[in-house]
Amino acid sequence: MDLLVAARNLFQHTKRTLLLGAAIAAVTAFLVLLTGLSTGIRETMFHGATTLMSGDINIGGFYKVTTGQGVPVVVDFAKSPRSPGRRFRS
């Protein structure tokens, strides 16, 4: 019985029903837009902070391929003090 009254109310007041549906759709779209915007801002801040905090000196063989990615890279392996071709002085 209650569902019949609710359905009749929706069909009798179509202007109010459509306005309410449009308002709910607009708020949902606005929420999705703001969620995407905040996610983008957070990712940009993370990449910027990673770039700023990592500096310009390469210590320990880490090289930044992109702003948010540090990859271990060994350059000039033959000159490295731990290479098999060189012996340590004791």
Protein backbone atom coordinates (compact mmCIF):
# COMPACT_ATOMS: atom_id res chain seq x y z
CA MET A 1 0.00 0.00 0.00
CA ASP A 2 2.80 2.42 0.88
CA LEU A 3 4.60 1.77 -2.42
CA LEU A 4 1.40 2.50 -4.33
CA VAL A 5 1.02 5.87 -2.58
CA ALA A 6 4.69 6.70 -3.24
CA ALA A 7 4.45 5.78 -6.93
CA ARG A 8 1.26 7.79 -7.36
CA ASN A 9 2.91 10.80 -5.68
CA LEU A 10 5.91 10.57 -8.05
CA PHE A 11 3.72 10.41 -11.15
CA GLN A 12 1.41 13.21 -10.06
CA HIS A 13 4.22 15.64 -9.28
CA THR A 14 6.52 15.07 -12.25
CA LYS A 15 8.04 18.57 -12.18
CA ARG A 16 9.17 18.17 -8.56
CA THR A 17 10.41 14.62 -9.23
CA LEU A 18 12.50 15.69 -12.24
CA LEU A 19 13.92 18.66 -10.36
CA LEU A 20 14.94 16.44 -7.45
CA GLY A 21 16.49 13.88 -9.82
CA ALA A 22 18.46 16.61 -11.60
CA ALA A 23 19.71 17.98 -8.28
CA ILE A 24 20.88 14.54 -7.15
CA ALA A 25 22.65 13.97 -10.49
CA ALA A 26 24.37 17.39 -10.31
CA VAL A 27 25.60 16.80 -6.76
CA THR A 28 26.90 13.34 -7.72
CA ALA A 29 28.76 14.77 -10.73
CA PHE A 30 30.21 17.54 -8.55
CA LEU A 31 31.38 14.97 -5.98
CA VAL A 32 33.11 12.89 -8.68
CA LEU A 33 34.78 16.02 -10.09
CA LEU A 34 36.09 17.14 -6.69
CA THR A 35 37.33 13.63 -5.86
CA GLY A 36 39.32 13.52 -9.10
CA LEU A 37 40.67 17.01 -8.48
CA SER A 38 41.82 16.19 -4.95
CA THR A 39 43.46 12.96 -6.14
CA GLY A 40 45.35 14.87 -8.84
CA ILE A 41 46.51 17.51 -6.36
CA ARG A 42 47.70 14.83 -3.92
CA GLU A 43 49.66 12.99 -6.65
CA THR A 44 51.25 16.23 -7.87
CA MET A 45 52.26 17.17 -4.33
CA PHE A 46 53.76 13.71 -3.77
CA HIS A 47 55.81 13.88 -6.96
CA GLY A 48 56.96 17.41 -6.19
CA ALA A 49 57.97 16.51 -2.64
CA THR A 50 59.85 13.45 -3.88
CA THR A 51 61.74 15.56 -6.38
CA LEU A 52 62.59 18.23 -3.84
CA MET A 53 63.65 15.85 -1.08
CA SER A 54 65.81 13.58 -3.24
CA GLY A 55 68.27 16.31 -4.24
CA ASP A 56 70.82 16.37 -7.04
CA ILE A 57 73.61 14.18 -5.63
CA ASN A 58 73.65 10.52 -6.59
CA ILE A 59 74.68 8.55 -3.49
CA GLY A 60 74.23 4.82 -3.33
CA GLY A 61 73.60 4.38 -7.05
CA PHE A 62 70.02 5.65 -7.15
CA TYR A 63 68.94 7.50 -10.25
CA LYS A 64 65.57 9.17 -10.81
CA VAL A 65 64.08 7.99 -14.09
CA THR A 66 60.96 10.07 -13.45
CA THR A 67 60.01 12.39 -10.62
CA GLY A 68 58.34 9.73 -8.50
CA GLN A 69 60.57 6.79 -9.26
CA GLY A 70 64.01 6.00 -7.90
CA VAL A 71 65.82 3.11 -9.57
CA PRO A 72 69.16 1.64 -8.50
CA VAL A 73 71.62 2.16 -11.33
CA VAL A 74 75.32 1.35 -11.30
CA VAL A 75 77.43 3.61 -13.51
CA ASP A 76 81.15 3.08 -14.15
CA PHE A 77 81.17 -0.41 -12.69
CA ALA A 78 84.87 -0.88 -13.48
CA LYS A 79 85.79 2.12 -11.30
CA SER A 80 83.70 0.90 -8.40
CA PRO A 81 85.77 -0.08 -5.33
CA ARG A 82 83.83 -3.32 -4.95
CA SER A 83 84.26 -4.52 -8.51
CA PRO A 84 85.95 -7.95 -8.90
CA GLY A 85 88.80 -6.44 -10.93
CA ARG A 86 90.13 -4.28 -8.06
CA ARG A 87 91.54 -5.39 -4.74
CA PHE A 88 91.10 -3.59 -1.46
CA ARG A 89 94.08 -2.25 0.45
CA SER A 90 94.12 -3.42 4.02
